[in-house]
N, C-alpha and C. Protein backbone atom coordinates (compact mmCIF):
# COMPACT_ATOMS: atom_id res chain seq x y z
N UNK A 1 16.33 50.41 120.41
CA UNK A 1 16.22 51.47 119.42
C UNK A 1 15.92 50.82 118.07
N UNK A 2 14.84 51.23 117.47
CA UNK A 2 14.45 50.74 116.15
C UNK A 2 14.55 51.89 115.16
N UNK A 3 15.50 51.79 114.25
CA UNK A 3 15.76 52.87 113.29
C UNK A 3 15.17 52.52 111.94
N UNK A 4 14.44 53.46 111.37
CA UNK A 4 13.89 53.31 110.02
C UNK A 4 14.63 54.26 109.10
N UNK A 5 15.04 53.77 107.94
CA UNK A 5 15.67 54.60 106.92
C UNK A 5 14.70 54.70 105.75
N UNK A 6 14.45 55.93 105.30
CA UNK A 6 13.58 56.14 104.14
C UNK A 6 14.02 57.39 103.41
N UNK A 7 13.47 57.56 102.21
CA UNK A 7 13.74 58.79 101.46
C UNK A 7 13.11 59.98 102.18
N UNK A 8 13.78 61.11 102.09
CA UNK A 8 13.25 62.33 102.67
C UNK A 8 12.00 62.76 101.91
N UNK A 9 11.07 63.34 102.64
CA UNK A 9 9.82 63.84 102.05
C UNK A 9 9.77 65.36 102.21
N UNK A 10 9.02 66.01 101.35
CA UNK A 10 8.87 67.46 101.46
C UNK A 10 8.34 67.84 102.85
N UNK A 11 7.51 66.99 103.42
CA UNK A 11 6.96 67.27 104.76
C UNK A 11 8.02 67.19 105.86
N UNK A 12 9.22 66.70 105.54
CA UNK A 12 10.32 66.65 106.51
C UNK A 12 11.11 67.95 106.57
N UNK A 13 10.83 68.89 105.70
CA UNK A 13 11.68 70.07 105.52
C UNK A 13 11.96 70.82 106.81
N UNK A 14 10.94 71.18 107.55
CA UNK A 14 11.15 71.96 108.77
C UNK A 14 11.96 71.17 109.79
N UNK A 15 11.65 69.89 109.95
CA UNK A 15 12.39 69.07 110.91
C UNK A 15 13.84 68.89 110.48
N UNK A 16 14.10 68.78 109.17
CA UNK A 16 15.47 68.67 108.68
C UNK A 16 16.26 69.95 108.95
N UNK A 17 15.64 71.10 108.74
CA UNK A 17 16.33 72.36 109.03
C UNK A 17 16.62 72.49 110.52
N UNK A 18 15.68 72.07 111.35
CA UNK A 18 15.91 72.07 112.80
C UNK A 18 17.06 71.13 113.15
N UNK A 19 17.09 69.96 112.53
CA UNK A 19 18.16 68.99 112.76
C UNK A 19 19.52 69.58 112.38
N UNK A 20 19.59 70.31 111.27
CA UNK A 20 20.86 70.90 110.84
C UNK A 20 21.37 71.92 111.86
N UNK A 21 20.46 72.67 112.47
CA UNK A 21 20.88 73.61 113.52
C UNK A 21 21.41 72.86 114.74
N UNK A 22 20.75 71.76 115.10
CA UNK A 22 21.20 70.94 116.23
C UNK A 22 22.57 70.35 115.92
N UNK A 23 22.72 69.77 114.73
CA UNK A 23 24.00 69.17 114.34
C UNK A 23 25.11 70.20 114.32
N UNK A 24 24.81 71.40 113.84
CA UNK A 24 25.80 72.47 113.80
C UNK A 24 26.26 72.89 115.18
N UNK A 25 25.40 72.74 116.19
CA UNK A 25 25.78 73.03 117.58
C UNK A 25 26.59 71.89 118.18
N UNK A 26 26.29 70.67 117.77
CA UNK A 26 26.89 69.49 118.39
C UNK A 26 28.31 69.18 117.92
N UNK A 27 28.66 69.60 116.72
CA UNK A 27 29.95 69.21 116.17
C UNK A 27 30.51 70.29 115.24
N UNK A 28 31.82 70.32 115.14
CA UNK A 28 32.50 71.19 114.18
C UNK A 28 32.94 70.41 112.96
N UNK A 29 32.36 69.25 112.73
CA UNK A 29 32.75 68.39 111.61
C UNK A 29 32.02 68.74 110.31
N UNK A 30 31.09 69.66 110.38
CA UNK A 30 30.26 70.00 109.22
C UNK A 30 30.68 71.33 108.61
N UNK A 31 30.18 71.61 107.44
CA UNK A 31 30.54 72.86 106.74
C UNK A 31 29.73 74.05 107.25
N UNK A 32 28.88 73.84 108.23
CA UNK A 32 28.09 74.91 108.83
C UNK A 32 28.12 74.74 110.35
N UNK A 33 27.76 75.81 111.05
CA UNK A 33 27.72 75.80 112.50
C UNK A 33 26.30 75.82 113.01
N UNK A 34 26.12 76.40 114.19
CA UNK A 34 24.81 76.38 114.85
C UNK A 34 23.75 77.16 114.08
N UNK A 35 24.17 77.96 113.10
CA UNK A 35 23.19 78.67 112.27
C UNK A 35 22.44 77.72 111.35
N UNK A 36 22.99 76.52 111.16
CA UNK A 36 22.34 75.54 110.28
C UNK A 36 22.49 75.93 108.83
N UNK A 37 21.59 75.45 108.02
CA UNK A 37 21.62 75.74 106.59
C UNK A 37 20.86 77.02 106.29
N UNK A 38 21.31 77.79 105.33
CA UNK A 38 20.71 79.10 105.05
C UNK A 38 19.47 79.02 104.14
N UNK A 39 18.51 78.18 104.52
CA UNK A 39 17.32 78.00 103.70
C UNK A 39 16.07 78.23 104.53
N UNK A 40 15.03 78.74 103.87
CA UNK A 40 13.72 78.81 104.50
C UNK A 40 13.07 77.43 104.36
N UNK A 41 12.01 77.23 105.09
CA UNK A 41 11.28 75.96 104.98
C UNK A 41 10.80 75.77 103.54
N UNK A 42 10.32 76.83 102.91
CA UNK A 42 9.84 76.74 101.54
C UNK A 42 10.97 76.34 100.58
N UNK A 43 12.15 76.91 100.79
CA UNK A 43 13.30 76.57 99.94
C UNK A 43 13.72 75.11 100.17
N UNK A 44 13.66 74.66 101.41
CA UNK A 44 14.01 73.27 101.71
C UNK A 44 12.99 72.31 101.09
N UNK A 45 11.72 72.67 101.13
CA UNK A 45 10.68 71.86 100.48
C UNK A 45 10.98 71.75 98.99
N UNK A 46 11.27 72.87 98.36
CA UNK A 46 11.57 72.88 96.92
C UNK A 46 12.80 72.03 96.63
N UNK A 47 13.80 72.12 97.48
CA UNK A 47 15.03 71.34 97.29
C UNK A 47 14.74 69.84 97.40
N UNK A 48 14.01 69.43 98.42
CA UNK A 48 13.67 68.00 98.60
C UNK A 48 12.86 67.51 97.40
N UNK A 49 11.91 68.30 96.95
CA UNK A 49 11.10 67.91 95.79
C UNK A 49 11.98 67.77 94.54
N UNK A 50 12.95 68.68 94.38
CA UNK A 50 13.87 68.61 93.24
C UNK A 50 14.70 67.33 93.31
N UNK A 51 15.24 67.03 94.49
CA UNK A 51 16.04 65.81 94.66
C UNK A 51 15.17 64.58 94.39
N UNK A 52 13.95 64.56 94.91
CA UNK A 52 13.07 63.40 94.74
C UNK A 52 12.63 63.19 93.30
N UNK A 53 12.63 64.25 92.52
CA UNK A 53 12.25 64.10 91.11
C UNK A 53 13.46 63.85 90.21
N UNK A 54 14.64 63.86 90.81
CA UNK A 54 15.89 63.65 90.06
C UNK A 54 16.15 62.17 89.84
N UNK A 55 16.78 61.87 88.72
CA UNK A 55 17.21 60.50 88.45
C UNK A 55 18.62 60.24 88.97
N UNK A 56 19.29 61.29 89.43
CA UNK A 56 20.70 61.15 89.79
C UNK A 56 21.00 61.43 91.27
N UNK A 57 20.02 61.83 92.03
CA UNK A 57 20.26 62.19 93.42
C UNK A 57 19.19 61.62 94.34
N UNK A 58 19.54 61.49 95.61
CA UNK A 58 18.58 61.01 96.60
C UNK A 58 18.98 61.51 97.98
N UNK A 59 17.98 61.75 98.81
CA UNK A 59 18.21 62.15 100.19
C UNK A 59 17.45 61.18 101.08
N UNK A 60 18.12 60.70 102.13
CA UNK A 60 17.53 59.74 103.04
C UNK A 60 17.54 60.29 104.46
N UNK A 61 16.59 59.83 105.27
CA UNK A 61 16.56 60.20 106.67
C UNK A 61 16.52 58.94 107.52
N UNK A 62 17.07 59.06 108.73
CA UNK A 62 17.00 57.99 109.72
C UNK A 62 16.02 58.46 110.79
N UNK A 63 15.05 57.61 111.09
CA UNK A 63 14.03 57.94 112.07
C UNK A 63 14.15 57.04 113.29
N UNK A 64 14.07 57.65 114.47
CA UNK A 64 13.99 56.94 115.73
C UNK A 64 12.69 57.40 116.39
N UNK A 65 11.73 56.50 116.51
CA UNK A 65 10.41 56.85 117.04
C UNK A 65 9.80 58.03 116.28
N UNK A 66 9.88 57.95 114.95
CA UNK A 66 9.33 58.95 114.03
C UNK A 66 9.98 60.33 114.14
N UNK A 67 11.15 60.42 114.75
CA UNK A 67 11.89 61.67 114.83
C UNK A 67 13.16 61.51 114.01
N UNK A 68 13.45 62.49 113.15
CA UNK A 68 14.64 62.42 112.30
C UNK A 68 15.89 62.64 113.16
N UNK A 69 16.80 61.66 113.10
CA UNK A 69 18.03 61.73 113.89
C UNK A 69 19.28 61.70 113.02
N UNK A 70 19.09 61.56 111.72
CA UNK A 70 20.23 61.54 110.80
C UNK A 70 19.77 61.66 109.37
N UNK A 71 20.73 61.95 108.51
CA UNK A 71 20.42 62.10 107.10
C UNK A 71 21.64 61.73 106.26
N UNK A 72 21.38 61.29 105.05
CA UNK A 72 22.44 61.06 104.08
C UNK A 72 21.92 61.48 102.71
N UNK A 73 22.85 61.83 101.85
CA UNK A 73 22.48 62.25 100.50
C UNK A 73 23.50 61.71 99.51
N UNK A 74 23.03 61.44 98.31
CA UNK A 74 23.90 61.12 97.21
C UNK A 74 23.55 62.06 96.08
N UNK A 75 24.59 62.70 95.51
CA UNK A 75 24.39 63.63 94.41
C UNK A 75 25.21 63.15 93.22
N UNK A 76 24.51 62.71 92.19
CA UNK A 76 25.17 62.29 90.96
C UNK A 76 25.27 63.44 90.00
N UNK A 77 26.06 63.25 88.96
CA UNK A 77 26.29 64.31 87.98
C UNK A 77 25.48 64.05 86.70
N UNK A 78 25.01 65.13 86.11
CA UNK A 78 24.29 65.05 84.85
C UNK A 78 25.22 65.18 83.65
N UNK A 79 26.36 65.84 83.85
CA UNK A 79 27.31 66.06 82.77
C UNK A 79 27.87 64.70 82.34
N UNK A 80 27.78 64.34 81.07
CA UNK A 80 28.18 63.00 80.63
C UNK A 80 29.57 62.56 81.09
N UNK A 81 30.54 63.45 81.06
CA UNK A 81 31.90 63.04 81.43
C UNK A 81 32.06 62.83 82.94
N UNK A 82 31.08 63.26 83.70
CA UNK A 82 31.11 63.07 85.15
C UNK A 82 30.03 62.11 85.64
N UNK A 83 29.20 61.62 84.73
CA UNK A 83 28.02 60.85 85.13
C UNK A 83 28.33 59.51 85.79
N UNK A 84 29.58 59.09 85.75
CA UNK A 84 29.98 57.83 86.39
C UNK A 84 30.28 58.00 87.88
N UNK A 85 30.15 59.24 88.38
CA UNK A 85 30.53 59.49 89.77
C UNK A 85 29.54 60.41 90.47
N UNK A 86 29.69 60.48 91.77
CA UNK A 86 28.85 61.36 92.58
C UNK A 86 29.44 61.53 93.96
N UNK A 87 28.78 62.35 94.78
CA UNK A 87 29.22 62.63 96.14
C UNK A 87 28.18 62.17 97.14
N UNK A 88 28.67 61.78 98.31
CA UNK A 88 27.80 61.33 99.38
C UNK A 88 28.10 62.13 100.64
N UNK A 89 27.08 62.32 101.46
CA UNK A 89 27.26 62.96 102.76
C UNK A 89 26.40 62.24 103.79
N UNK A 90 26.85 62.29 105.04
CA UNK A 90 26.14 61.63 106.14
C UNK A 90 26.27 62.51 107.38
N UNK A 91 25.19 62.61 108.15
CA UNK A 91 25.24 63.32 109.43
C UNK A 91 24.22 62.68 110.37
N UNK A 92 24.64 62.49 111.63
CA UNK A 92 23.80 61.85 112.64
C UNK A 92 23.90 62.64 113.94
N UNK A 93 22.78 62.76 114.65
CA UNK A 93 22.78 63.43 115.95
C UNK A 93 23.76 62.75 116.89
N UNK A 94 24.45 63.55 117.68
CA UNK A 94 25.45 63.03 118.61
C UNK A 94 24.86 62.01 119.57
N UNK A 95 23.62 62.23 119.98
CA UNK A 95 22.96 61.29 120.90
C UNK A 95 22.77 59.92 120.28
N UNK A 96 22.89 59.83 118.98
CA UNK A 96 22.67 58.57 118.26
C UNK A 96 23.95 58.01 117.63
N UNK A 97 25.10 58.58 117.96
CA UNK A 97 26.37 58.04 117.49
C UNK A 97 26.60 56.68 118.15
N UNK A 98 27.25 55.80 117.42
CA UNK A 98 27.64 54.51 117.97
C UNK A 98 26.58 53.42 117.89
N UNK A 99 25.48 53.69 117.20
CA UNK A 99 24.41 52.71 117.07
C UNK A 99 24.28 52.16 115.65
N UNK A 100 25.23 52.48 114.79
CA UNK A 100 25.21 51.97 113.43
C UNK A 100 24.31 52.75 112.47
N UNK A 101 23.81 53.89 112.90
CA UNK A 101 22.91 54.67 112.05
C UNK A 101 23.67 55.27 110.87
N UNK A 102 24.86 55.79 111.11
CA UNK A 102 25.67 56.33 110.02
C UNK A 102 25.96 55.27 108.98
N UNK A 103 26.26 54.05 109.45
CA UNK A 103 26.52 52.93 108.53
C UNK A 103 25.27 52.62 107.70
N UNK A 104 24.10 52.58 108.33
CA UNK A 104 22.86 52.30 107.61
C UNK A 104 22.56 53.38 106.58
N UNK A 105 22.74 54.64 106.97
CA UNK A 105 22.49 55.74 106.05
C UNK A 105 23.47 55.71 104.87
N UNK A 106 24.74 55.51 105.17
CA UNK A 106 25.76 55.46 104.12
C UNK A 106 25.52 54.28 103.19
N UNK A 107 25.22 53.13 103.74
CA UNK A 107 24.95 51.93 102.93
C UNK A 107 23.75 52.15 102.01
N UNK A 108 22.73 52.83 102.51
CA UNK A 108 21.55 53.12 101.70
C UNK A 108 21.90 54.02 100.53
N UNK A 109 22.70 55.05 100.79
CA UNK A 109 23.12 55.97 99.72
C UNK A 109 24.00 55.25 98.70
N UNK A 110 24.90 54.40 99.17
CA UNK A 110 25.77 53.64 98.26
C UNK A 110 24.94 52.69 97.40
N UNK A 111 23.98 52.03 98.01
CA UNK A 111 23.13 51.10 97.25
C UNK A 111 22.33 51.84 96.18
N UNK A 112 21.83 53.04 96.52
CA UNK A 112 21.14 53.87 95.53
C UNK A 112 22.07 54.17 94.36
N UNK A 113 23.30 54.58 94.67
CA UNK A 113 24.27 54.93 93.62
C UNK A 113 24.58 53.73 92.73
N UNK A 114 24.71 52.56 93.33
CA UNK A 114 25.03 51.34 92.57
C UNK A 114 23.86 50.91 91.69
N UNK A 115 22.68 50.79 92.30
CA UNK A 115 21.56 50.17 91.58
C UNK A 115 20.83 51.14 90.67
N UNK A 116 20.69 52.37 91.10
CA UNK A 116 19.93 53.33 90.30
C UNK A 116 20.77 53.98 89.22
N UNK A 117 22.04 54.25 89.54
CA UNK A 117 22.87 55.00 88.62
C UNK A 117 24.01 54.21 88.00
N UNK A 118 24.25 53.02 88.51
CA UNK A 118 25.44 52.26 88.10
C UNK A 118 26.69 53.11 88.26
N UNK A 119 26.75 53.85 89.38
CA UNK A 119 27.90 54.72 89.65
C UNK A 119 29.16 53.87 89.76
N UNK A 120 30.27 54.45 89.37
CA UNK A 120 31.57 53.78 89.45
C UNK A 120 32.45 54.34 90.55
N UNK A 121 32.24 55.61 90.91
CA UNK A 121 33.05 56.27 91.92
C UNK A 121 32.14 57.13 92.80
N UNK A 122 32.29 56.98 94.11
CA UNK A 122 31.58 57.83 95.06
C UNK A 122 32.63 58.56 95.88
N UNK A 123 32.50 59.88 95.97
CA UNK A 123 33.47 60.70 96.68
C UNK A 123 32.83 61.32 97.92
N UNK A 124 33.69 61.66 98.87
CA UNK A 124 33.26 62.41 100.05
C UNK A 124 34.45 63.16 100.60
N UNK A 125 34.17 64.13 101.44
CA UNK A 125 35.24 64.81 102.17
C UNK A 125 34.90 64.75 103.64
N UNK A 126 35.94 64.58 104.47
CA UNK A 126 35.76 64.38 105.90
C UNK A 126 36.88 65.09 106.64
N UNK A 127 36.54 65.70 107.72
CA UNK A 127 37.54 66.37 108.54
C UNK A 127 38.66 65.38 108.88
N UNK A 128 39.90 65.78 108.66
CA UNK A 128 41.05 64.88 108.79
C UNK A 128 41.22 64.31 110.19
N UNK A 129 40.71 65.00 111.21
CA UNK A 129 40.83 64.49 112.58
C UNK A 129 39.56 63.81 113.08
N UNK A 130 38.61 63.55 112.18
CA UNK A 130 37.36 62.89 112.56
C UNK A 130 37.52 61.37 112.40
N UNK A 131 38.27 60.79 113.33
CA UNK A 131 38.59 59.36 113.25
C UNK A 131 37.36 58.46 113.20
N UNK A 132 36.32 58.81 113.95
CA UNK A 132 35.10 57.99 113.98
C UNK A 132 34.50 57.89 112.57
N UNK A 133 34.36 59.02 111.88
CA UNK A 133 33.78 59.02 110.54
C UNK A 133 34.73 58.34 109.54
N UNK A 134 36.02 58.61 109.64
CA UNK A 134 36.98 58.00 108.73
C UNK A 134 36.94 56.48 108.85
N UNK A 135 36.83 55.97 110.07
CA UNK A 135 36.73 54.52 110.26
C UNK A 135 35.46 53.96 109.63
N UNK A 136 34.36 54.68 109.75
CA UNK A 136 33.11 54.26 109.10
C UNK A 136 33.30 54.19 107.59
N UNK A 137 33.88 55.23 107.01
CA UNK A 137 34.06 55.27 105.57
C UNK A 137 34.99 54.16 105.09
N UNK A 138 36.05 53.92 105.83
CA UNK A 138 36.96 52.82 105.47
C UNK A 138 36.24 51.48 105.55
N UNK A 139 35.40 51.31 106.56
CA UNK A 139 34.63 50.07 106.71
C UNK A 139 33.72 49.83 105.50
N UNK A 140 33.27 50.91 104.90
CA UNK A 140 32.41 50.81 103.72
C UNK A 140 33.21 50.76 102.42
N UNK A 141 34.54 50.74 102.51
CA UNK A 141 35.37 50.58 101.33
C UNK A 141 35.99 51.85 100.77
N UNK A 142 35.76 53.00 101.40
CA UNK A 142 36.35 54.25 100.92
C UNK A 142 37.85 54.24 101.23
N UNK A 143 38.61 54.91 100.37
CA UNK A 143 40.03 55.07 100.61
C UNK A 143 40.41 56.53 100.42
N UNK A 144 41.37 56.96 101.21
CA UNK A 144 41.84 58.34 101.14
C UNK A 144 42.61 58.56 99.85
N UNK A 145 42.29 59.66 99.15
CA UNK A 145 43.01 59.98 97.92
C UNK A 145 43.81 61.27 98.05
N UNK A 146 43.63 61.98 99.16
CA UNK A 146 44.37 63.21 99.35
C UNK A 146 43.84 64.01 100.52
N UNK A 147 44.49 65.13 100.77
CA UNK A 147 44.07 66.02 101.85
C UNK A 147 43.95 67.44 101.28
N UNK A 148 42.86 68.08 101.60
CA UNK A 148 42.62 69.47 101.22
C UNK A 148 42.96 70.31 102.44
N UNK A 149 44.12 70.97 102.40
CA UNK A 149 44.58 71.80 103.52
C UNK A 149 43.67 73.01 103.68
N UNK A 150 43.32 73.29 104.91
CA UNK A 150 42.50 74.45 105.26
C UNK A 150 41.20 74.48 104.43
N UNK A 151 40.54 73.34 104.34
CA UNK A 151 39.29 73.17 103.59
C UNK A 151 38.23 74.15 104.06
N UNK A 152 38.15 74.32 105.37
CA UNK A 152 37.23 75.32 105.92
C UNK A 152 37.89 75.96 107.13
N UNK A 153 37.26 76.99 107.63
CA UNK A 153 37.77 77.67 108.82
C UNK A 153 36.73 77.57 109.93
N UNK A 154 37.21 77.15 111.11
CA UNK A 154 36.37 77.09 112.30
C UNK A 154 37.04 77.97 113.34
N UNK A 155 36.31 78.96 113.81
CA UNK A 155 36.85 79.91 114.78
C UNK A 155 38.15 80.54 114.28
N UNK A 156 38.19 80.83 112.98
CA UNK A 156 39.34 81.50 112.39
C UNK A 156 40.54 80.63 112.10
N UNK A 157 40.43 79.33 112.38
CA UNK A 157 41.55 78.41 112.15
C UNK A 157 41.24 77.48 110.99
N UNK A 158 42.24 77.29 110.11
CA UNK A 158 42.06 76.38 108.99
C UNK A 158 41.94 74.93 109.46
N UNK A 159 41.03 74.20 108.85
CA UNK A 159 40.80 72.80 109.19
C UNK A 159 40.99 71.96 107.92
N UNK A 160 41.85 70.96 108.02
CA UNK A 160 42.11 70.08 106.88
C UNK A 160 41.01 69.02 106.75
N UNK A 161 40.73 68.65 105.51
CA UNK A 161 39.77 67.58 105.23
C UNK A 161 40.45 66.55 104.33
N UNK A 162 40.14 65.29 104.58
CA UNK A 162 40.59 64.22 103.70
C UNK A 162 39.56 64.02 102.60
N UNK A 163 40.03 63.76 101.41
CA UNK A 163 39.18 63.42 100.28
C UNK A 163 39.23 61.90 100.14
N UNK A 164 38.07 61.28 100.05
CA UNK A 164 38.01 59.82 99.98
C UNK A 164 37.12 59.39 98.83
N UNK A 165 37.48 58.27 98.22
CA UNK A 165 36.69 57.69 97.14
C UNK A 165 36.37 56.24 97.43
N UNK A 166 35.22 55.83 96.93
CA UNK A 166 34.82 54.42 96.91
C UNK A 166 34.71 54.04 95.44
N UNK A 167 35.47 53.05 95.02
CA UNK A 167 35.44 52.58 93.64
C UNK A 167 34.57 51.33 93.57
N UNK A 168 33.47 51.43 92.85
CA UNK A 168 32.51 50.32 92.79
C UNK A 168 32.82 49.35 91.67
């Protein structure tokens, strides 16, 4: 398996939306389900173009044989008092778990935050029972700073999420 990591392109929009629907079916670890993200292809194109023209944010994709199998994003803040920090997210197709793709995507987003923004703090939230993801985040230096009880509801049941920070 040869994985390529690159910035997302506007031409990836439809495939990214399809991927989000697949990911939403494969796991309950995300903030959405099998419905995917509530965007049209045109809205996703506009969003990717906005991120790509931003000085504070970036979206990356992982490709396996030119097919998108994962994504990561870093969102920095424009507000001066928050500009030292940002949030990161990572998602990978279940068929590609365990191959280091999440690590590559996360590392790419962290490197962007360090070199492009000189970020000091990167935050994320992760389902409290998602040991696989928590171990990845710890491996990259994140530490738990708290738990958000009933962060979201899945099938009518509250699900706790851990809040984690990486201090650069």
